[in-house]
N, C-alpha and C. Protein backbone atom coordinates (compact mmCIF):
# COMPACT_ATOMS: atom_id res chain seq x y z
N MET A 1 19.96 -5.66 27.63
CA MET A 1 19.90 -3.90 26.33
C MET A 1 18.35 -4.61 25.58
N ASN A 2 17.24 -3.94 26.03
CA ASN A 2 15.92 -3.88 25.25
C ASN A 2 16.11 -3.49 23.55
N ILE A 3 16.29 -4.42 22.64
CA ILE A 3 15.92 -4.00 21.67
C ILE A 3 15.15 -3.09 20.86
N GLY A 4 13.72 -3.22 21.60
CA GLY A 4 12.93 -3.13 21.14
C GLY A 4 12.72 -0.98 21.86
N LEU A 5 13.59 -1.35 22.91
CA LEU A 5 12.78 0.23 23.74
C LEU A 5 14.17 1.12 22.37
N GLU A 6 15.83 0.48 22.64
CA GLU A 6 16.14 1.35 21.54
C GLU A 6 16.11 2.00 20.34
N LYS A 7 15.04 1.11 19.31
CA LYS A 7 14.85 1.13 18.14
C LYS A 7 13.37 2.46 18.35
N GLU A 8 12.61 2.39 19.80
CA GLU A 8 11.90 3.27 19.90
C GLU A 8 12.10 5.20 19.56
N ARG A 9 11.18 5.74 19.01
CA ARG A 9 11.94 7.20 18.61
C ARG A 9 10.43 8.13 19.27
N ARG A 10 9.35 7.41 19.47
CA ARG A 10 8.26 8.17 19.27
C ARG A 10 8.49 9.29 21.08
N ARG A 11 8.42 10.55 20.75
CA ARG A 11 8.37 11.83 22.15
C ARG A 11 6.91 11.44 23.51
N SER A 12 6.30 10.40 22.43
CA SER A 12 4.72 9.98 22.93
C SER A 12 4.47 8.99 23.11
N PRO A 13 3.14 8.75 24.47
CA PRO A 13 2.82 6.96 24.13
C PRO A 13 1.58 7.09 22.04
N ARG A 14 0.98 6.64 21.50
CA ARG A 14 0.55 5.96 21.12
C ARG A 14 -1.10 5.83 21.81
N PHE A 15 -2.18 6.24 20.95
CA PHE A 15 -2.80 5.18 21.25
C PHE A 15 -3.68 4.51 20.02
N PRO A 16 -4.81 3.82 20.60
CA PRO A 16 -5.85 3.05 19.10
C PRO A 16 -6.16 4.76 18.55
N TRP A 17 -6.70 4.48 17.15
CA TRP A 17 -7.39 5.63 17.14
C TRP A 17 -7.23 4.54 15.53
N ILE A 18 -9.40 4.45 15.13
CA ILE A 18 -9.65 3.56 14.05
C ILE A 18 -9.47 4.78 13.41
N VAL A 19 -10.13 5.71 11.70
CA VAL A 19 -11.20 6.59 10.96
C VAL A 19 -10.63 6.92 10.00
N GLU A 20 -11.16 7.88 9.20
CA GLU A 20 -11.11 7.54 7.65
C GLU A 20 -10.33 8.73 7.78
N ILE A 21 -9.57 8.99 6.21
CA ILE A 21 -8.08 9.91 6.42
C ILE A 21 -8.80 10.80 5.05
N LYS A 22 -9.25 11.12 4.77
CA LYS A 22 -8.65 11.88 3.25
C LYS A 22 -7.24 13.07 3.21
N ALA A 23 -6.48 12.66 2.28
CA ALA A 23 -4.95 13.63 2.49
C ALA A 23 -5.04 14.63 1.09
N ASN A 24 -4.39 15.30 0.46
CA ASN A 24 -4.05 16.35 -0.56
C ASN A 24 -2.94 16.41 -0.03
N VAL A 25 -1.80 16.24 -1.01
CA VAL A 25 -0.36 16.19 -1.42
C VAL A 25 -0.32 17.61 -1.56
N LEU A 26 0.63 18.15 -1.29
CA LEU A 26 0.78 19.82 -1.02
C LEU A 26 2.03 19.92 -2.44
N SER A 27 3.31 19.21 -1.77
CA SER A 27 4.53 19.50 -1.47
C SER A 27 5.37 17.66 -1.62
N ALA A 28 6.03 17.71 -1.81
CA ALA A 28 7.04 16.76 -1.76
C ALA A 28 8.14 16.14 -2.69
N ASP A 29 9.89 16.27 -2.13
CA ASP A 29 11.16 16.90 -2.06
C ASP A 29 11.17 16.00 -3.21
N GLU A 30 10.17 14.60 -3.74
CA GLU A 30 10.71 13.16 -4.48
C GLU A 30 9.71 13.41 -4.76
N ILE A 31 9.14 13.49 -6.43
CA ILE A 31 8.03 13.39 -6.81
C ILE A 31 8.42 12.41 -7.42
N PHE A 32 7.60 10.93 -7.30
CA PHE A 32 8.10 9.60 -8.79
C PHE A 32 6.69 10.01 -10.19
N GLU A 33 6.45 9.56 -10.75
CA GLU A 33 5.44 9.33 -11.92
C GLU A 33 4.51 8.59 -11.27
N ASP A 34 4.44 7.67 -10.74
CA ASP A 34 2.86 7.54 -9.87
C ASP A 34 2.17 7.88 -8.55
N ALA A 35 3.27 9.60 -8.26
CA ALA A 35 2.16 9.23 -6.90
C ALA A 35 0.80 10.56 -6.73
N PRO A 36 0.55 10.54 -6.13
CA PRO A 36 -1.21 10.20 -6.16
C PRO A 36 -1.00 11.70 -5.68
N ASP A 37 -2.03 12.42 -5.95
CA ASP A 37 -3.22 13.55 -5.57
C ASP A 37 -2.87 13.63 -4.50
N SER A 38 -4.36 12.97 -4.12
CA SER A 38 -4.84 12.59 -2.75
C SER A 38 -4.45 11.28 -2.96
N LEU A 39 -5.27 10.47 -1.43
CA LEU A 39 -4.98 9.71 -1.31
C LEU A 39 -5.90 9.62 0.52
N LYS A 40 -6.86 7.83 0.01
CA LYS A 40 -7.68 8.06 0.86
C LYS A 40 -6.82 6.71 1.96
N ALA A 41 -7.04 7.34 3.16
CA ALA A 41 -6.38 5.22 4.69
C ALA A 41 -7.59 5.53 5.63
N VAL A 42 -6.82 4.68 6.81
CA VAL A 42 -7.87 4.42 7.98
C VAL A 42 -6.67 4.81 8.73
N THR A 43 -6.98 5.64 10.05
CA THR A 43 -5.76 5.89 11.09
C THR A 43 -5.44 4.13 11.36
N GLU A 44 -4.14 3.65 12.35
CA GLU A 44 -4.40 2.03 13.06
C GLU A 44 -4.29 3.41 14.71
N ASP A 45 -3.36 4.31 14.57
CA ASP A 45 -3.09 4.85 15.74
C ASP A 45 -2.75 6.56 16.35
N ILE A 46 -2.67 7.32 17.07
CA ILE A 46 -2.57 8.74 17.33
C ILE A 46 -1.79 8.81 18.61
N GLY A 47 -0.81 9.81 18.21
CA GLY A 47 0.10 10.90 19.39
C GLY A 47 0.33 11.62 19.06
N ALA A 48 0.26 12.41 19.98
CA ALA A 48 0.93 13.68 20.48
C ALA A 48 1.69 14.74 19.61
N GLY A 49 2.76 13.59 18.34
CA GLY A 49 3.00 14.09 17.24
C GLY A 49 2.71 14.21 15.96
N GLY A 50 1.84 12.61 15.79
CA GLY A 50 1.37 12.34 14.55
C GLY A 50 0.33 10.76 14.62
N VAL A 51 0.54 11.02 13.40
CA VAL A 51 -0.65 9.08 13.34
C VAL A 51 0.17 8.53 11.96
N ALA A 52 -0.42 6.87 12.73
CA ALA A 52 -0.37 5.62 11.66
C ALA A 52 -0.82 5.52 11.25
N VAL A 53 -1.40 5.40 9.17
CA VAL A 53 -2.08 5.20 8.12
C VAL A 53 -1.64 4.36 7.44
N LEU A 54 -2.78 3.65 7.35
CA LEU A 54 -2.95 2.79 6.68
C LEU A 54 -3.54 3.01 4.56
N THR A 55 -3.10 2.92 3.83
CA THR A 55 -3.48 3.15 2.74
C THR A 55 -2.57 1.85 2.04
N ASP A 56 -3.39 2.05 0.28
CA ASP A 56 -2.30 2.00 -0.95
C ASP A 56 -2.05 2.54 -1.66
N GLN A 57 -1.74 3.83 -1.48
CA GLN A 57 -0.94 4.48 -1.95
C GLN A 57 0.64 4.83 -0.89
N ALA A 58 1.22 4.62 -1.89
CA ALA A 58 2.71 5.34 -1.27
C ALA A 58 3.35 6.86 -2.11
N LEU A 59 3.94 6.98 -0.36
CA LEU A 59 4.21 8.40 -0.38
C LEU A 59 5.42 8.63 -0.17
N PRO A 60 6.39 9.58 -0.71
CA PRO A 60 8.10 9.85 -0.58
C PRO A 60 7.87 10.61 1.18
N GLU A 61 8.78 10.26 1.62
CA GLU A 61 9.06 10.66 3.43
C GLU A 61 8.96 12.39 2.71
N ASN A 62 8.80 13.33 3.94
CA ASN A 62 8.41 14.47 3.79
C ASN A 62 7.30 15.68 2.59
N ALA A 63 6.96 14.52 2.27
CA ALA A 63 5.19 14.95 1.54
C ALA A 63 5.16 15.75 2.34
N VAL A 64 3.94 16.86 2.29
CA VAL A 64 3.10 18.06 3.58
C VAL A 64 1.88 17.36 2.67
N LEU A 65 1.28 17.56 3.35
CA LEU A 65 -0.77 16.45 2.86
C LEU A 65 -1.13 17.64 3.86
N ARG A 66 -2.47 17.82 2.99
CA ARG A 66 -3.67 18.29 3.49
C ARG A 66 -4.66 17.60 4.15
N CYS A 67 -4.76 17.44 5.30
CA CYS A 67 -5.83 16.16 5.97
C CYS A 67 -7.42 16.22 6.84
N GLU A 68 -8.06 15.02 6.29
CA GLU A 68 -9.22 15.17 6.51
C GLU A 68 -9.75 14.68 7.27
N PHE A 69 -9.34 14.44 8.65
CA PHE A 69 -10.02 12.97 9.39
C PHE A 69 -11.37 13.22 10.03
N GLY A 70 -12.02 12.36 8.75
CA GLY A 70 -13.65 11.98 9.91
C GLY A 70 -13.70 11.76 11.43
N VAL A 71 -14.62 12.43 11.76
CA VAL A 71 -15.57 12.41 12.49
C VAL A 71 -16.61 11.45 13.53
N PRO A 72 -16.18 9.87 13.62
CA PRO A 72 -17.30 9.32 14.21
C PRO A 72 -18.26 9.43 14.43
N GLY A 73 -19.91 9.08 13.61
CA GLY A 73 -21.07 9.07 13.69
C GLY A 73 -21.40 11.20 13.96
N SER A 74 -20.66 11.58 12.79
CA SER A 74 -21.01 13.00 12.03
C SER A 74 -19.78 12.87 11.07
N PRO A 75 -21.39 14.02 10.45
CA PRO A 75 -20.33 14.94 8.74
C PRO A 75 -19.67 15.81 8.67
N SER A 76 -19.00 15.64 9.76
CA SER A 76 -18.01 16.75 10.61
C SER A 76 -16.43 15.98 9.93
N VAL A 77 -15.47 16.99 9.48
CA VAL A 77 -14.53 17.11 9.54
C VAL A 77 -13.26 17.32 9.91
N ILE A 78 -12.14 17.32 10.55
CA ILE A 78 -10.75 17.96 11.34
C ILE A 78 -9.75 17.71 10.52
N PRO A 79 -9.34 19.23 10.00
CA PRO A 79 -8.02 19.06 8.60
C PRO A 79 -7.26 19.65 9.81
N THR A 80 -5.58 19.53 9.00
CA THR A 80 -4.57 19.86 9.41
C THR A 80 -3.70 20.09 8.91
N LEU A 81 -1.98 19.92 8.73
CA LEU A 81 -0.83 20.34 7.83
C LEU A 81 0.24 18.59 8.62
N MET A 82 0.23 17.73 7.73
CA MET A 82 0.77 16.39 8.35
C MET A 82 2.12 16.48 7.25
N GLN A 83 2.75 15.57 7.69
CA GLN A 83 4.09 15.70 7.21
C GLN A 83 4.41 14.24 6.49
N VAL A 84 4.71 13.47 5.88
CA VAL A 84 5.26 11.94 6.14
C VAL A 84 6.51 11.99 6.38
N ARG A 85 6.82 11.08 7.59
CA ARG A 85 8.05 10.94 7.97
C ARG A 85 8.85 9.61 8.47
N TRP A 86 8.04 8.51 7.68
CA TRP A 86 8.29 7.11 6.75
C TRP A 86 7.16 6.47 5.94
N SER A 87 8.00 5.59 5.71
CA SER A 87 6.40 4.48 5.03
C SER A 87 7.16 3.19 4.61
N GLU A 88 5.90 1.98 5.16
CA GLU A 88 6.67 0.56 4.78
C GLU A 88 4.89 -0.29 4.30
N SER A 89 6.45 -1.18 3.56
CA SER A 89 4.65 -2.06 2.78
C SER A 89 4.63 -2.93 4.02
N VAL A 90 3.42 -3.21 3.35
CA VAL A 90 2.57 -4.20 4.63
C VAL A 90 1.83 -5.71 4.57
N GLY A 91 2.27 -6.23 4.70
CA GLY A 91 1.77 -7.78 4.44
C GLY A 91 2.28 -8.27 3.23
N ASP A 92 1.23 -8.49 1.71
CA ASP A 92 2.15 -8.98 0.53
C ASP A 92 1.31 -7.62 -0.11
N LYS A 93 2.48 -6.27 0.94
CA LYS A 93 3.27 -4.93 -0.11
C LYS A 93 1.84 -4.67 -0.83
N ARG A 94 0.65 -4.59 -0.83
CA ARG A 94 -0.23 -4.04 -1.67
C ARG A 94 -0.97 -3.01 -0.70
N LEU A 95 -0.68 -2.37 0.56
CA LEU A 95 -1.05 -1.89 1.81
C LEU A 95 -0.12 -1.33 1.98
N CYS A 96 0.60 0.20 2.63
CA CYS A 96 0.89 1.18 3.47
C CYS A 96 1.44 1.21 4.17
N LYS A 97 2.33 1.29 5.26
CA LYS A 97 1.59 2.08 5.95
C LYS A 97 2.75 3.06 6.17
N LEU A 98 2.10 4.06 6.91
CA LEU A 98 3.07 5.38 6.36
C LEU A 98 3.10 6.66 8.02
N GLY A 99 4.09 6.62 7.82
CA GLY A 99 4.36 7.92 10.10
C GLY A 99 4.28 8.99 9.05
N LEU A 100 2.59 9.94 9.82
CA LEU A 100 2.93 11.22 9.84
C LEU A 100 2.44 12.09 10.74
N GLN A 101 2.78 13.06 10.79
CA GLN A 101 3.32 14.19 11.66
C GLN A 101 2.59 15.21 12.01
N PHE A 102 2.51 15.52 12.54
CA PHE A 102 0.71 16.83 12.51
C PHE A 102 2.17 18.17 12.48
N LEU A 103 1.67 19.22 11.19
CA LEU A 103 2.40 19.70 11.19
C LEU A 103 1.51 22.14 12.05
N LEU A 104 0.46 21.45 12.09
CA LEU A 104 -0.45 22.17 12.75
C LEU A 104 -1.64 21.62 13.59
């Protein structure tokens, strides 16, 4: 049995995609003292259901975000609503990787 396949819960494949993202926190079940109102991040990959991003801000699971994805080579942005599904520390724990699910 392949343990790596057993852990995989994605319903669609992921593809590398690196763009800047800006987000405002609209709501969160768990609010902690240092929770940011907004954050800047860089996407790592994208799939039909969501994106993985790297940021220096941790957010609680289930937080709802209004996000704007940058369009490379253009001043345009793509707005959407997303929800934090998971987070984990990366490397020396100064960075955080978030799994964001598209809500619309």
